[in-house]
Amino acid sequence: MKAQEVRDLTSKERLEKIDDLSQEYFNLRLQLTTGKIEAPGRLKLLRRDIARLKTIIKESGSVETVKQGAELA
């Protein structure tokens, strides 16, 4: 996922994407320990995508706005 694609997402979509990628990363790490991983290179890509998302969220300061919106709901 490219940085521009991440910037085009809304704050909520970014957080959902982080959750999805984190879950996929966890599952791949589990496969790695059991020796049944099909694409070990995917781990590196997922780690970078998660970092990219978190960086852009921090740059935009959108975490606070999303958390405040969740508190109000």
PDB file of N, CA and C in Angstrom:
ATOM      1  N   MET A   1       0.845  -1.167   0.000  1.00  0.00           N
ATOM      2  CA  MET A   1       0.000   0.000   0.000  1.00  0.00           C
ATOM      3  C   MET A   1       0.892   1.232   0.000  1.00  0.00           C
ATOM      4  N   LYS A   2       0.625   2.114  -0.914  1.00  0.00           N
ATOM      5  CA  LYS A   2       1.434   3.320  -1.039  1.00  0.00           C
ATOM      6  C   LYS A   2       0.929   4.408  -0.103  1.00  0.00           C
ATOM      7  N   ALA A   3       1.803   5.353   0.203  1.00  0.00           N
ATOM      8  CA  ALA A   3       1.470   6.426   1.134  1.00  0.00           C
ATOM      9  C   ALA A   3       0.287   7.248   0.640  1.00  0.00           C
ATOM     10  N   GLN A   4       0.218   7.509  -0.646  1.00  0.00           N
ATOM     11  CA  GLN A   4      -0.888   8.296  -1.183  1.00  0.00           C
ATOM     12  C   GLN A   4      -2.219   7.563  -1.001  1.00  0.00           C
ATOM     13  N   GLU A   5      -2.206   6.260  -1.163  1.00  0.00           N
ATOM     14  CA  GLU A   5      -3.427   5.469  -0.949  1.00  0.00           C
ATOM     15  C   GLU A   5      -3.881   5.576   0.500  1.00  0.00           C
ATOM     16  N   VAL A   6      -2.932   5.573   1.424  1.00  0.00           N
ATOM     17  CA  VAL A   6      -3.259   5.684   2.848  1.00  0.00           C
ATOM     18  C   VAL A   6      -3.823   7.067   3.142  1.00  0.00           C
ATOM     19  N   ARG A   7      -3.246   8.091   2.555  1.00  0.00           N
ATOM     20  CA  ARG A   7      -3.723   9.457   2.794  1.00  0.00           C
ATOM     21  C   ARG A   7      -5.124   9.679   2.237  1.00  0.00           C
ATOM     22  N   ASP A   8      -5.494   8.907   1.231  1.00  0.00           N
ATOM     23  CA  ASP A   8      -6.830   9.034   0.651  1.00  0.00           C
ATOM     24  C   ASP A   8      -7.904   8.392   1.516  1.00  0.00           C
ATOM     25  N   LEU A   9      -7.513   7.544   2.462  1.00  0.00           N
ATOM     26  CA  LEU A   9      -8.475   6.880   3.338  1.00  0.00           C
ATOM     27  C   LEU A   9      -8.934   7.837   4.441  1.00  0.00           C
ATOM     28  N   THR A  10     -10.111   7.575   4.977  1.00  0.00           N
ATOM     29  CA  THR A  10     -10.575   8.345   6.129  1.00  0.00           C
ATOM     30  C   THR A  10      -9.893   7.814   7.385  1.00  0.00           C
ATOM     31  N   SER A  11      -9.994   8.553   8.458  1.00  0.00           N
ATOM     32  CA  SER A  11      -9.360   8.148   9.722  1.00  0.00           C
ATOM     33  C   SER A  11      -9.871   6.797  10.194  1.00  0.00           C
ATOM     34  N   LYS A  12     -11.156   6.609  10.097  1.00  0.00           N
ATOM     35  CA  LYS A  12     -11.745   5.348  10.540  1.00  0.00           C
ATOM     36  C   LYS A  12     -11.262   4.188   9.670  1.00  0.00           C
ATOM     37  N   GLU A  13     -11.182   4.418   8.366  1.00  0.00           N
ATOM     38  CA  GLU A  13     -10.711   3.372   7.458  1.00  0.00           C
ATOM     39  C   GLU A  13      -9.255   3.016   7.739  1.00  0.00           C
ATOM     40  N   ARG A  14      -8.454   4.018   8.098  1.00  0.00           N
ATOM     41  CA  ARG A  14      -7.047   3.750   8.429  1.00  0.00           C
ATOM     42  C   ARG A  14      -6.938   2.845   9.647  1.00  0.00           C
ATOM     43  N   LEU A  15      -7.723   3.145  10.678  1.00  0.00           N
ATOM     44  CA  LEU A  15      -7.683   2.324  11.882  1.00  0.00           C
ATOM     45  C   LEU A  15      -8.179   0.907  11.607  1.00  0.00           C
ATOM     46  N   GLU A  16      -9.204   0.780  10.793  1.00  0.00           N
ATOM     47  CA  GLU A  16      -9.704  -0.547  10.430  1.00  0.00           C
ATOM     48  C   GLU A  16      -8.650  -1.312   9.635  1.00  0.00           C
ATOM     49  N   LYS A  17      -7.943  -0.611   8.774  1.00  0.00           N
ATOM     50  CA  LYS A  17      -6.896  -1.238   7.962  1.00  0.00           C
ATOM     51  C   LYS A  17      -5.762  -1.736   8.859  1.00  0.00           C
ATOM     52  N   ILE A  18      -5.413  -0.959   9.875  1.00  0.00           N
ATOM     53  CA  ILE A  18      -4.378  -1.383  10.818  1.00  0.00           C
ATOM     54  C   ILE A  18      -4.818  -2.657  11.526  1.00  0.00           C
ATOM     55  N   ASP A  19      -6.066  -2.706  11.956  1.00  0.00           N
ATOM     56  CA  ASP A  19      -6.578  -3.902  12.622  1.00  0.00           C
ATOM     57  C   ASP A  19      -6.504  -5.117  11.703  1.00  0.00           C
ATOM     58  N   ASP A  20      -6.917  -4.944  10.452  1.00  0.00           N
ATOM     59  CA  ASP A  20      -6.894  -6.050   9.489  1.00  0.00           C
ATOM     60  C   ASP A  20      -5.473  -6.539   9.236  1.00  0.00           C
ATOM     61  N   LEU A  21      -4.564  -5.601   9.005  1.00  0.00           N
ATOM     62  CA  LEU A  21      -3.187  -5.979   8.722  1.00  0.00           C
ATOM     63  C   LEU A  21      -2.511  -6.602   9.936  1.00  0.00           C
ATOM     64  N   SER A  22      -2.830  -6.104  11.116  1.00  0.00           N
ATOM     65  CA  SER A  22      -2.263  -6.674  12.339  1.00  0.00           C
ATOM     66  C   SER A  22      -2.730  -8.112  12.540  1.00  0.00           C
ATOM     67  N   GLN A  23      -3.990  -8.353  12.252  1.00  0.00           N
ATOM     68  CA  GLN A  23      -4.525  -9.713  12.368  1.00  0.00           C
ATOM     69  C   GLN A  23      -3.853 -10.649  11.353  1.00  0.00           C
ATOM     70  N   GLU A  24      -3.683 -10.162  10.130  1.00  0.00           N
ATOM     71  CA  GLU A  24      -3.013 -10.961   9.098  1.00  0.00           C
ATOM     72  C   GLU A  24      -1.561 -11.226   9.485  1.00  0.00           C
ATOM     73  N   TYR A  25      -0.888 -10.231  10.039  1.00  0.00           N
ATOM     74  CA  TYR A  25       0.496 -10.384  10.479  1.00  0.00           C
ATOM     75  C   TYR A  25       0.593 -11.436  11.579  1.00  0.00           C
ATOM     76  N   PHE A  26      -0.327 -11.387  12.521  1.00  0.00           N
ATOM     77  CA  PHE A  26      -0.358 -12.371  13.600  1.00  0.00           C
ATOM     78  C   PHE A  26      -0.526 -13.780  13.047  1.00  0.00           C
ATOM     79  N   ASN A  27      -1.465 -13.930  12.113  1.00  0.00           N
ATOM     80  CA  ASN A  27      -1.707 -15.251  11.533  1.00  0.00           C
ATOM     81  C   ASN A  27      -0.485 -15.774  10.783  1.00  0.00           C
ATOM     82  N   LEU A  28       0.203 -14.893  10.065  1.00  0.00           N
ATOM     83  CA  LEU A  28       1.408 -15.318   9.350  1.00  0.00           C
ATOM     84  C   LEU A  28       2.525 -15.690  10.313  1.00  0.00           C
ATOM     85  N   ARG A  29       2.652 -14.968  11.408  1.00  0.00           N
ATOM     86  CA  ARG A  29       3.663 -15.319  12.408  1.00  0.00           C
ATOM     87  C   ARG A  29       3.352 -16.671  13.027  1.00  0.00           C
ATOM     88  N   LEU A  30       2.084 -16.948  13.219  1.00  0.00           N
ATOM     89  CA  LEU A  30       1.676 -18.253  13.744  1.00  0.00           C
ATOM     90  C   LEU A  30       2.034 -19.358  12.755  1.00  0.00           C
ATOM     91  N   GLN A  31       1.783 -19.103  11.476  1.00  0.00           N
ATOM     92  CA  GLN A  31       2.148 -20.070  10.442  1.00  0.00           C
ATOM     93  C   GLN A  31       3.660 -20.266  10.393  1.00  0.00           C
ATOM     94  N   LEU A  32       4.404 -19.201  10.614  1.00  0.00           N
ATOM     95  CA  LEU A  32       5.860 -19.283  10.584  1.00  0.00           C
ATOM     96  C   LEU A  32       6.373 -20.209  11.686  1.00  0.00           C
ATOM     97  N   THR A  33       5.776 -20.111  12.862  1.00  0.00           N
ATOM     98  CA  THR A  33       6.229 -20.952  13.973  1.00  0.00           C
ATOM     99  C   THR A  33       5.856 -22.414  13.766  1.00  0.00           C
ATOM    100  N   THR A  34       4.755 -22.653  13.083  1.00  0.00           N
ATOM    101  CA  THR A  34       4.357 -24.039  12.835  1.00  0.00           C
ATOM    102  C   THR A  34       4.997 -24.606  11.578  1.00  0.00           C
ATOM    103  N   GLY A  35       5.668 -23.747  10.816  1.00  0.00           N
ATOM    104  CA  GLY A  35       6.369 -24.204   9.628  1.00  0.00           C
ATOM    105  C   GLY A  35       5.491 -24.368   8.405  1.00  0.00           C
ATOM    106  N   LYS A  36       4.330 -23.783   8.401  1.00  0.00           N
ATOM    107  CA  LYS A  36       3.391 -23.941   7.291  1.00  0.00           C
ATOM    108  C   LYS A  36       3.157 -22.643   6.523  1.00  0.00           C
ATOM    109  N   ILE A  37       4.129 -21.755   6.550  1.00  0.00           N
ATOM    110  CA  ILE A  37       3.958 -20.463   5.889  1.00  0.00           C
ATOM    111  C   ILE A  37       4.229 -20.608   4.392  1.00  0.00           C
ATOM    112  N   GLU A  38       3.378 -19.974   3.600  1.00  0.00           N
ATOM    113  CA  GLU A  38       3.516 -20.040   2.152  1.00  0.00           C
ATOM    114  C   GLU A  38       4.291 -18.853   1.597  1.00  0.00           C
ATOM    115  N   ALA A  39       4.123 -17.679   2.202  1.00  0.00           N
ATOM    116  CA  ALA A  39       4.771 -16.467   1.691  1.00  0.00           C
ATOM    117  C   ALA A  39       5.476 -15.735   2.838  1.00  0.00           C
ATOM    118  N   PRO A  40       6.679 -16.153   3.194  1.00  0.00           N
ATOM    119  CA  PRO A  40       7.366 -15.497   4.309  1.00  0.00           C
ATOM    120  C   PRO A  40       7.732 -14.041   4.027  1.00  0.00           C
ATOM    121  N   GLY A  41       7.862 -13.668   2.772  1.00  0.00           N
ATOM    122  CA  GLY A  41       8.173 -12.278   2.421  1.00  0.00           C
ATOM    123  C   GLY A  41       7.038 -11.331   2.734  1.00  0.00           C
ATOM    124  N   ARG A  42       5.850 -11.871   2.872  1.00  0.00           N
ATOM    125  CA  ARG A  42       4.664 -11.054   3.177  1.00  0.00           C
ATOM    126  C   ARG A  42       4.770 -10.412   4.561  1.00  0.00           C
ATOM    127  N   LEU A  43       5.489 -11.067   5.478  1.00  0.00           N
ATOM    128  CA  LEU A  43       5.658 -10.521   6.829  1.00  0.00           C
ATOM    129  C   LEU A  43       6.314  -9.144   6.782  1.00  0.00           C
ATOM    130  N   LYS A  44       7.342  -9.014   5.980  1.00  0.00           N
ATOM    131  CA  LYS A  44       8.049  -7.750   5.863  1.00  0.00           C
ATOM    132  C   LYS A  44       7.145  -6.667   5.284  1.00  0.00           C
ATOM    133  N   LEU A  45       6.375  -7.021   4.275  1.00  0.00           N
ATOM    134  CA  LEU A  45       5.465  -6.051   3.655  1.00  0.00           C
ATOM    135  C   LEU A  45       4.382  -5.598   4.626  1.00  0.00           C
ATOM    136  N   LEU A  46       3.847  -6.536   5.389  1.00  0.00           N
ATOM    137  CA  LEU A  46       2.802  -6.188   6.356  1.00  0.00           C
ATOM    138  C   LEU A  46       3.353  -5.263   7.438  1.00  0.00           C
ATOM    139  N   ARG A  47       4.545  -5.580   7.931  1.00  0.00           N
ATOM    140  CA  ARG A  47       5.153  -4.747   8.955  1.00  0.00           C
ATOM    141  C   ARG A  47       5.342  -3.319   8.458  1.00  0.00           C
ATOM    142  N   ARG A  48       5.778  -3.174   7.226  1.00  0.00           N
ATOM    143  CA  ARG A  48       5.982  -1.841   6.651  1.00  0.00           C
ATOM    144  C   ARG A  48       4.662  -1.117   6.423  1.00  0.00           C
ATOM    145  N   ASP A  49       3.647  -1.834   5.965  1.00  0.00           N
ATOM    146  CA  ASP A  49       2.334  -1.206   5.747  1.00  0.00           C
ATOM    147  C   ASP A  49       1.740  -0.703   7.058  1.00  0.00           C
ATOM    148  N   ILE A  50       1.880  -1.495   8.109  1.00  0.00           N
ATOM    149  CA  ILE A  50       1.362  -1.093   9.420  1.00  0.00           C
ATOM    150  C   ILE A  50       2.099   0.154   9.900  1.00  0.00           C
ATOM    151  N   ALA A  51       3.418   0.167   9.747  1.00  0.00           N
ATOM    152  CA  ALA A  51       4.207   1.335  10.156  1.00  0.00           C
ATOM    153  C   ALA A  51       3.821   2.557   9.340  1.00  0.00           C
ATOM    154  N   ARG A  52       3.603   2.368   8.051  1.00  0.00           N
ATOM    155  CA  ARG A  52       3.219   3.482   7.178  1.00  0.00           C
ATOM    156  C   ARG A  52       1.871   4.072   7.621  1.00  0.00           C
ATOM    157  N   LEU A  53       0.922   3.199   7.919  1.00  0.00           N
ATOM    158  CA  LEU A  53      -0.387   3.659   8.383  1.00  0.00           C
ATOM    159  C   LEU A  53      -0.268   4.436   9.686  1.00  0.00           C
ATOM    160  N   LYS A  54       0.486   3.897  10.628  1.00  0.00           N
ATOM    161  CA  LYS A  54       0.635   4.556  11.922  1.00  0.00           C
ATOM    162  C   LYS A  54       1.335   5.904  11.782  1.00  0.00           C
ATOM    163  N   THR A  55       2.313   5.987  10.902  1.00  0.00           N
ATOM    164  CA  THR A  55       3.023   7.241  10.682  1.00  0.00           C
ATOM    165  C   THR A  55       2.098   8.312  10.124  1.00  0.00           C
ATOM    166  N   ILE A  56       1.308   7.950   9.148  1.00  0.00           N
ATOM    167  CA  ILE A  56       0.408   8.920   8.523  1.00  0.00           C
ATOM    168  C   ILE A  56      -0.699   9.335   9.491  1.00  0.00           C
ATOM    169  N   ILE A  57      -1.150   8.397  10.308  1.00  0.00           N
ATOM    170  CA  ILE A  57      -2.149   8.744  11.334  1.00  0.00           C
ATOM    171  C   ILE A  57      -1.558   9.757  12.303  1.00  0.00           C
ATOM    172  N   LYS A  58      -0.318   9.525  12.708  1.00  0.00           N
ATOM    173  CA  LYS A  58       0.318  10.437  13.641  1.00  0.00           C
ATOM    174  C   LYS A  58       0.562  11.809  13.000  1.00  0.00           C
ATOM    175  N   GLU A  59       0.948  11.820  11.737  1.00  0.00           N
ATOM    176  CA  GLU A  59       1.153  13.082  11.025  1.00  0.00           C
ATOM    177  C   GLU A  59      -0.116  13.908  10.965  1.00  0.00           C
ATOM    178  N   SER A  60      -1.215  13.245  10.675  1.00  0.00           N
ATOM    179  CA  SER A  60      -2.467  13.977  10.495  1.00  0.00           C
ATOM    180  C   SER A  60      -3.145  14.297  11.813  1.00  0.00           C
ATOM    181  N   GLY A  61      -2.740  13.634  12.885  1.00  0.00           N
ATOM    182  CA  GLY A  61      -3.363  13.866  14.178  1.00  0.00           C
ATOM    183  C   GLY A  61      -4.789  13.366  14.227  1.00  0.00           C
ATOM    184  N   SER A  62      -5.123  12.423  13.373  1.00  0.00           N
ATOM    185  CA  SER A  62      -6.503  11.960  13.269  1.00  0.00           C
ATOM    186  C   SER A  62      -6.888  10.953  14.345  1.00  0.00           C
ATOM    187  N   VAL A  63      -5.936  10.433  15.095  1.00  0.00           N
ATOM    188  CA  VAL A  63      -6.252   9.468  16.145  1.00  0.00           C
ATOM    189  C   VAL A  63      -7.123  10.128  17.209  1.00  0.00           C
ATOM    190  N   GLU A  64      -6.767  11.338  17.591  1.00  0.00           N
ATOM    191  CA  GLU A  64      -7.530  12.020  18.630  1.00  0.00           C
ATOM    192  C   GLU A  64      -8.960  12.275  18.177  1.00  0.00           C
ATOM    193  N   THR A  65      -9.130  12.653  16.923  1.00  0.00           N
ATOM    194  CA  THR A  65     -10.474  12.941  16.434  1.00  0.00           C
ATOM    195  C   THR A  65     -11.320  11.684  16.384  1.00  0.00           C
ATOM    196  N   VAL A  66     -10.719  10.572  16.012  1.00  0.00           N
ATOM    197  CA  VAL A  66     -11.469   9.317  15.953  1.00  0.00           C
ATOM    198  C   VAL A  66     -11.821   8.861  17.360  1.00  0.00           C
ATOM    199  N   LYS A  67     -10.867   8.957  18.300  1.00  0.00           N
ATOM    200  CA  LYS A  67     -11.131   8.536  19.676  1.00  0.00           C
ATOM    201  C   LYS A  67     -12.210   9.421  20.302  1.00  0.00           C
ATOM    202  N   GLN A  68     -12.170  10.727  20.045  1.00  0.00           N
ATOM    203  CA  GLN A  68     -13.176  11.624  20.601  1.00  0.00           C
ATOM    204  C   GLN A  68     -14.547  11.300  20.024  1.00  0.00           C
ATOM    205  N   GLY A  69     -14.605  10.974  18.756  1.00  0.00           N
ATOM    206  CA  GLY A  69     -15.869  10.605  18.143  1.00  0.00           C
ATOM    207  C   GLY A  69     -16.420   9.320  18.727  1.00  0.00           C
ATOM    208  N   ALA A  70     -15.547   8.384  19.062  1.00  0.00           N
ATOM    209  CA  ALA A  70     -15.988   7.114  19.654  1.00  0.00           C
ATOM    210  C   ALA A  70     -16.505   7.341  21.070  1.00  0.00           C
ATOM    211  N   GLU A  71     -15.900   8.263  21.790  1.00  0.00           N
ATOM    212  CA  GLU A  71     -16.342   8.560  23.154  1.00  0.00           C
ATOM    213  C   GLU A  71     -17.718   9.211  23.155  1.00  0.00           C
ATOM    214  N   LEU A  72     -18.002  10.016  22.153  1.00  0.00           N
ATOM    215  CA  LEU A  72     -19.279  10.714  22.090  1.00  0.00           C
ATOM    216  C   LEU A  72     -20.406   9.785  21.696  1.00  0.00           C
ATOM    217  N   ALA A  73     -20.094   8.740  20.958  1.00  0.00           N
ATOM    218  CA  ALA A  73     -21.144   7.833  20.470  1.00  0.00           C
ATOM    219  C   ALA A  73     -21.650   6.905  21.531  1.00  0.00           C
TER     220      ALA A  73
END
